[in-house]
Amino acid sequence: MTTERSEPSMRSNIIFGRDLLFSLVIPIIAICFLSIIMGQAFAQEASQNYIIRRVEIWSLFYRGMTAAFVVGALVQGSIIYVCWRFRESNKKNMPRESMEGVER
């Protein structure tokens, strides 16, 4: 009984080389290319349209608080309505017939 040792074929070496090309070389080239493009994009002249962060932050805070107050008012209003509608002293909430002998 002889055991043959299988050597990697030439085809597997080509596939390994292609995988190496796609996984290492192309991303490195893409990063180099993108760094050149981004360097040119950020090297533009400064414009006079500056954003004042403090003003923008307060603007977002004001919008968020306005929305929070509206939602809070709606929730509180619905809670008050439910409590008022289903209170024990409300005549509309009383059972219409006797519940004696009825199992739930």
N, C-alpha and C. Protein backbone atom coordinates (compact mmCIF):
# COMPACT_ATOMS: atom_id res chain seq x y z
N MET A 1 0.83 -1.16 0.00
CA MET A 1 0.00 0.00 0.00
C MET A 1 0.89 1.24 0.00
N THR A 2 0.76 1.98 -1.00
CA THR A 2 1.60 3.17 -1.13
C THR A 2 0.74 4.42 -0.95
N THR A 3 1.26 5.36 -0.28
CA THR A 3 0.54 6.63 -0.11
C THR A 3 1.22 7.67 -0.99
N GLU A 4 0.43 8.28 -1.77
CA GLU A 4 0.97 9.32 -2.65
C GLU A 4 0.75 10.67 -1.98
N ARG A 5 1.79 11.41 -2.00
CA ARG A 5 1.71 12.75 -1.44
C ARG A 5 1.32 13.70 -2.55
N SER A 6 0.19 14.37 -2.35
CA SER A 6 -0.27 15.25 -3.43
C SER A 6 0.36 16.63 -3.26
N GLU A 7 0.99 17.04 -4.27
CA GLU A 7 1.60 18.36 -4.30
C GLU A 7 0.54 19.38 -4.71
N PRO A 8 0.63 20.58 -4.21
CA PRO A 8 -0.33 21.59 -4.66
C PRO A 8 -0.15 21.84 -6.15
N SER A 9 -1.25 21.87 -6.79
CA SER A 9 -1.18 22.04 -8.24
C SER A 9 -0.91 23.49 -8.59
N MET A 10 -0.59 23.69 -9.83
CA MET A 10 -0.30 25.02 -10.32
C MET A 10 -1.55 25.91 -10.25
N ARG A 11 -2.71 25.26 -10.43
CA ARG A 11 -3.98 26.00 -10.39
C ARG A 11 -4.22 26.60 -9.00
N SER A 12 -3.93 25.86 -7.94
CA SER A 12 -4.14 26.39 -6.59
C SER A 12 -3.18 27.54 -6.31
N ASN A 13 -1.98 27.50 -6.85
CA ASN A 13 -1.04 28.61 -6.69
C ASN A 13 -1.55 29.86 -7.38
N ILE A 14 -2.19 29.69 -8.52
CA ILE A 14 -2.73 30.84 -9.25
C ILE A 14 -3.89 31.44 -8.46
N ILE A 15 -4.75 30.59 -7.90
CA ILE A 15 -5.88 31.08 -7.12
C ILE A 15 -5.38 31.79 -5.86
N PHE A 16 -4.35 31.24 -5.22
CA PHE A 16 -3.78 31.90 -4.05
C PHE A 16 -3.20 33.25 -4.43
N GLY A 17 -2.55 33.32 -5.55
CA GLY A 17 -1.98 34.58 -6.01
C GLY A 17 -3.06 35.61 -6.32
N ARG A 18 -4.18 35.16 -6.90
CA ARG A 18 -5.27 36.06 -7.22
C ARG A 18 -5.95 36.55 -5.92
N ASP A 19 -6.10 35.65 -4.95
CA ASP A 19 -6.68 36.06 -3.67
C ASP A 19 -5.77 37.06 -2.97
N LEU A 20 -4.47 36.83 -3.05
CA LEU A 20 -3.52 37.75 -2.46
C LEU A 20 -3.61 39.11 -3.13
N LEU A 21 -3.78 39.10 -4.44
CA LEU A 21 -3.90 40.35 -5.18
C LEU A 21 -5.15 41.12 -4.74
N PHE A 22 -6.28 40.43 -4.64
CA PHE A 22 -7.53 41.10 -4.27
C PHE A 22 -7.56 41.52 -2.80
N SER A 23 -6.90 40.77 -1.93
CA SER A 23 -7.00 41.07 -0.51
C SER A 23 -5.92 42.02 0.00
N LEU A 24 -4.82 42.16 -0.69
CA LEU A 24 -3.75 43.02 -0.19
C LEU A 24 -3.39 44.17 -1.13
N VAL A 25 -3.14 43.85 -2.37
CA VAL A 25 -2.58 44.84 -3.28
C VAL A 25 -3.63 45.88 -3.68
N ILE A 26 -4.81 45.45 -4.06
CA ILE A 26 -5.83 46.39 -4.51
C ILE A 26 -6.26 47.34 -3.40
N PRO A 27 -6.50 46.89 -2.15
CA PRO A 27 -6.82 47.86 -1.09
C PRO A 27 -5.71 48.87 -0.82
N ILE A 28 -4.47 48.44 -0.90
CA ILE A 28 -3.35 49.37 -0.69
C ILE A 28 -3.34 50.44 -1.78
N ILE A 29 -3.54 50.02 -3.01
CA ILE A 29 -3.59 50.99 -4.11
C ILE A 29 -4.78 51.92 -3.95
N ALA A 30 -5.92 51.39 -3.54
CA ALA A 30 -7.11 52.22 -3.36
C ALA A 30 -6.91 53.25 -2.25
N ILE A 31 -6.26 52.85 -1.16
CA ILE A 31 -6.00 53.79 -0.06
C ILE A 31 -5.06 54.90 -0.50
N CYS A 32 -4.03 54.54 -1.25
CA CYS A 32 -3.11 55.56 -1.76
C CYS A 32 -3.82 56.53 -2.69
N PHE A 33 -4.66 56.01 -3.57
CA PHE A 33 -5.39 56.85 -4.52
C PHE A 33 -6.36 57.77 -3.79
N LEU A 34 -7.08 57.23 -2.79
CA LEU A 34 -8.04 58.04 -2.05
C LEU A 34 -7.34 59.10 -1.20
N SER A 35 -6.16 58.81 -0.68
CA SER A 35 -5.45 59.81 0.12
C SER A 35 -5.02 60.98 -0.75
N ILE A 36 -4.67 60.72 -1.99
CA ILE A 36 -4.31 61.81 -2.91
C ILE A 36 -5.53 62.66 -3.21
N ILE A 37 -6.68 62.02 -3.47
CA ILE A 37 -7.89 62.76 -3.78
C ILE A 37 -8.36 63.57 -2.57
N MET A 38 -8.34 62.97 -1.39
CA MET A 38 -8.80 63.66 -0.20
C MET A 38 -7.87 64.82 0.15
N GLY A 39 -6.59 64.65 -0.08
CA GLY A 39 -5.65 65.74 0.17
C GLY A 39 -5.95 66.93 -0.71
N GLN A 40 -6.31 66.69 -1.95
CA GLN A 40 -6.66 67.78 -2.84
C GLN A 40 -8.00 68.40 -2.46
N ALA A 41 -8.92 67.61 -1.99
CA ALA A 41 -10.23 68.14 -1.63
C ALA A 41 -10.16 69.03 -0.39
N PHE A 42 -9.33 68.67 0.59
CA PHE A 42 -9.23 69.46 1.80
C PHE A 42 -8.23 70.61 1.67
N ALA A 43 -7.59 70.74 0.55
CA ALA A 43 -6.63 71.83 0.34
C ALA A 43 -7.28 73.03 -0.32
N GLN A 44 -8.60 73.12 -0.29
CA GLN A 44 -9.29 74.25 -0.89
C GLN A 44 -9.11 75.50 -0.03
N GLU A 45 -9.42 76.62 -0.62
CA GLU A 45 -9.31 77.88 0.11
C GLU A 45 -10.43 77.99 1.13
N ALA A 46 -10.16 78.70 2.20
CA ALA A 46 -11.15 78.88 3.26
C ALA A 46 -12.23 79.84 2.78
N SER A 47 -13.46 79.51 3.08
CA SER A 47 -14.56 80.39 2.70
C SER A 47 -14.97 81.25 3.90
N GLN A 48 -15.83 82.19 3.67
CA GLN A 48 -16.28 83.08 4.73
C GLN A 48 -17.52 82.55 5.45
N ASN A 49 -18.03 81.39 5.03
CA ASN A 49 -19.23 80.81 5.65
C ASN A 49 -18.82 79.87 6.77
N TYR A 50 -18.60 80.44 7.94
CA TYR A 50 -18.22 79.64 9.09
C TYR A 50 -19.46 79.25 9.87
N ILE A 51 -19.43 78.08 10.46
CA ILE A 51 -20.52 77.62 11.30
C ILE A 51 -20.12 77.85 12.75
N ILE A 52 -20.95 78.57 13.46
CA ILE A 52 -20.69 78.82 14.88
C ILE A 52 -21.33 77.67 15.64
N ARG A 53 -20.50 76.84 16.22
CA ARG A 53 -20.99 75.62 16.87
C ARG A 53 -21.93 75.90 18.02
N ARG A 54 -21.62 76.93 18.79
CA ARG A 54 -22.45 77.26 19.94
C ARG A 54 -23.88 77.55 19.51
N VAL A 55 -24.04 78.31 18.42
CA VAL A 55 -25.36 78.67 17.93
C VAL A 55 -26.09 77.44 17.40
N GLU A 56 -25.38 76.59 16.67
CA GLU A 56 -26.01 75.38 16.11
C GLU A 56 -26.43 74.41 17.22
N ILE A 57 -25.61 74.29 18.25
CA ILE A 57 -25.95 73.39 19.36
C ILE A 57 -27.19 73.88 20.08
N TRP A 58 -27.28 75.19 20.33
CA TRP A 58 -28.47 75.72 20.99
C TRP A 58 -29.70 75.60 20.10
N SER A 59 -29.51 75.72 18.81
CA SER A 59 -30.63 75.55 17.88
C SER A 59 -31.18 74.12 17.94
N LEU A 60 -30.28 73.14 17.92
CA LEU A 60 -30.72 71.75 18.03
C LEU A 60 -31.37 71.47 19.38
N PHE A 61 -30.80 72.04 20.44
CA PHE A 61 -31.38 71.87 21.78
C PHE A 61 -32.78 72.46 21.85
N TYR A 62 -32.98 73.64 21.26
CA TYR A 62 -34.28 74.29 21.28
C TYR A 62 -35.31 73.46 20.51
N ARG A 63 -34.93 72.96 19.35
CA ARG A 63 -35.84 72.11 18.57
C ARG A 63 -36.20 70.84 19.33
N GLY A 64 -35.21 70.21 19.94
CA GLY A 64 -35.47 68.99 20.70
C GLY A 64 -36.36 69.24 21.90
N MET A 65 -36.14 70.34 22.61
CA MET A 65 -36.97 70.65 23.78
C MET A 65 -38.39 71.00 23.36
N THR A 66 -38.56 71.67 22.23
CA THR A 66 -39.90 71.97 21.74
C THR A 66 -40.65 70.68 21.43
N ALA A 67 -40.00 69.76 20.76
CA ALA A 67 -40.63 68.47 20.46
C ALA A 67 -40.93 67.70 21.75
N ALA A 68 -40.01 67.74 22.71
CA ALA A 68 -40.22 67.03 23.98
C ALA A 68 -41.40 67.60 24.75
N PHE A 69 -41.56 68.93 24.76
CA PHE A 69 -42.70 69.53 25.46
C PHE A 69 -44.01 69.17 24.78
N VAL A 70 -44.04 69.14 23.45
CA VAL A 70 -45.27 68.77 22.75
C VAL A 70 -45.64 67.33 23.04
N VAL A 71 -44.67 66.42 22.95
CA VAL A 71 -44.94 65.01 23.23
C VAL A 71 -45.35 64.83 24.69
N GLY A 72 -44.69 65.51 25.61
CA GLY A 72 -45.04 65.42 27.03
C GLY A 72 -46.45 65.92 27.29
N ALA A 73 -46.84 67.01 26.64
CA ALA A 73 -48.20 67.53 26.82
C ALA A 73 -49.23 66.54 26.30
N LEU A 74 -48.97 65.90 25.16
CA LEU A 74 -49.90 64.91 24.62
C LEU A 74 -50.03 63.70 25.54
N VAL A 75 -48.92 63.23 26.08
CA VAL A 75 -48.95 62.08 26.98
C VAL A 75 -49.70 62.42 28.27
N GLN A 76 -49.42 63.59 28.84
CA GLN A 76 -50.11 63.98 30.06
C GLN A 76 -51.60 64.17 29.81
N GLY A 77 -51.96 64.74 28.67
CA GLY A 77 -53.36 64.91 28.34
C GLY A 77 -54.08 63.59 28.20
N SER A 78 -53.43 62.63 27.56
CA SER A 78 -54.08 61.31 27.41
C SER A 78 -54.20 60.60 28.76
N ILE A 79 -53.23 60.75 29.64
CA ILE A 79 -53.31 60.14 30.97
C ILE A 79 -54.45 60.77 31.77
N ILE A 80 -54.59 62.09 31.70
CA ILE A 80 -55.68 62.76 32.42
C ILE A 80 -57.02 62.32 31.87
N TYR A 81 -57.14 62.21 30.56
CA TYR A 81 -58.40 61.76 29.96
C TYR A 81 -58.76 60.35 30.42
N VAL A 82 -57.81 59.43 30.40
CA VAL A 82 -58.08 58.05 30.80
C VAL A 82 -58.47 57.99 32.28
N CYS A 83 -57.76 58.73 33.12
CA CYS A 83 -58.09 58.72 34.56
C CYS A 83 -59.48 59.31 34.79
N TRP A 84 -59.82 60.39 34.10
CA TRP A 84 -61.13 61.03 34.27
C TRP A 84 -62.25 60.16 33.70
N ARG A 85 -62.01 59.53 32.59
CA ARG A 85 -63.05 58.73 31.93
C ARG A 85 -63.35 57.45 32.70
N PHE A 86 -62.36 56.80 33.24
CA PHE A 86 -62.54 55.51 33.89
C PHE A 86 -62.45 55.59 35.42
N ARG A 87 -62.75 56.73 36.00
CA ARG A 87 -62.74 56.86 37.46
C ARG A 87 -63.92 56.09 38.05
N GLU A 88 -63.85 55.78 39.32
CA GLU A 88 -64.88 54.97 39.95
C GLU A 88 -66.20 55.71 40.10
N SER A 89 -66.16 57.03 40.26
CA SER A 89 -67.39 57.77 40.49
C SER A 89 -68.12 58.13 39.19
N ASN A 90 -67.56 57.76 38.05
CA ASN A 90 -68.21 58.07 36.78
C ASN A 90 -69.40 57.14 36.58
N LYS A 91 -70.58 57.73 36.30
CA LYS A 91 -71.79 56.93 36.16
C LYS A 91 -71.74 56.06 34.90
N LYS A 92 -71.06 56.51 33.87
CA LYS A 92 -70.97 55.73 32.62
C LYS A 92 -70.09 54.49 32.80
N ASN A 93 -69.30 54.48 33.84
CA ASN A 93 -68.38 53.37 34.07
C ASN A 93 -68.98 52.29 34.95
N MET A 94 -70.18 52.49 35.49
CA MET A 94 -70.83 51.51 36.35
C MET A 94 -71.34 50.33 35.54
N PRO A 95 -71.29 49.11 36.12
CA PRO A 95 -71.85 47.96 35.40
C PRO A 95 -73.37 48.09 35.30
N ARG A 96 -73.94 47.70 34.17
CA ARG A 96 -75.37 47.90 33.90
C ARG A 96 -76.24 46.87 34.61
N GLU A 97 -75.76 45.69 34.83
CA GLU A 97 -76.57 44.64 35.46
C GLU A 97 -75.79 44.03 36.60
N SER A 98 -76.50 43.31 37.41
CA SER A 98 -75.88 42.69 38.57
C SER A 98 -74.87 41.64 38.13
N MET A 99 -73.73 41.60 38.80
CA MET A 99 -72.69 40.64 38.46
C MET A 99 -72.71 39.42 39.37
N GLU A 100 -73.79 39.26 40.18
CA GLU A 100 -73.86 38.13 41.09
C GLU A 100 -74.05 36.84 40.31
N GLY A 101 -73.33 35.84 40.68
CA GLY A 101 -73.44 34.54 40.05
C GLY A 101 -72.71 34.41 38.73
N VAL A 102 -72.07 35.46 38.27
CA VAL A 102 -71.34 35.40 37.00
C VAL A 102 -69.86 35.16 37.33
N GLU A 103 -69.33 34.10 36.76
CA GLU A 103 -67.92 33.79 36.99
C GLU A 103 -67.09 34.39 35.86
N ARG A 104 -65.98 34.86 36.24
CA ARG A 104 -65.09 35.43 35.23
C ARG A 104 -63.91 34.55 35.01
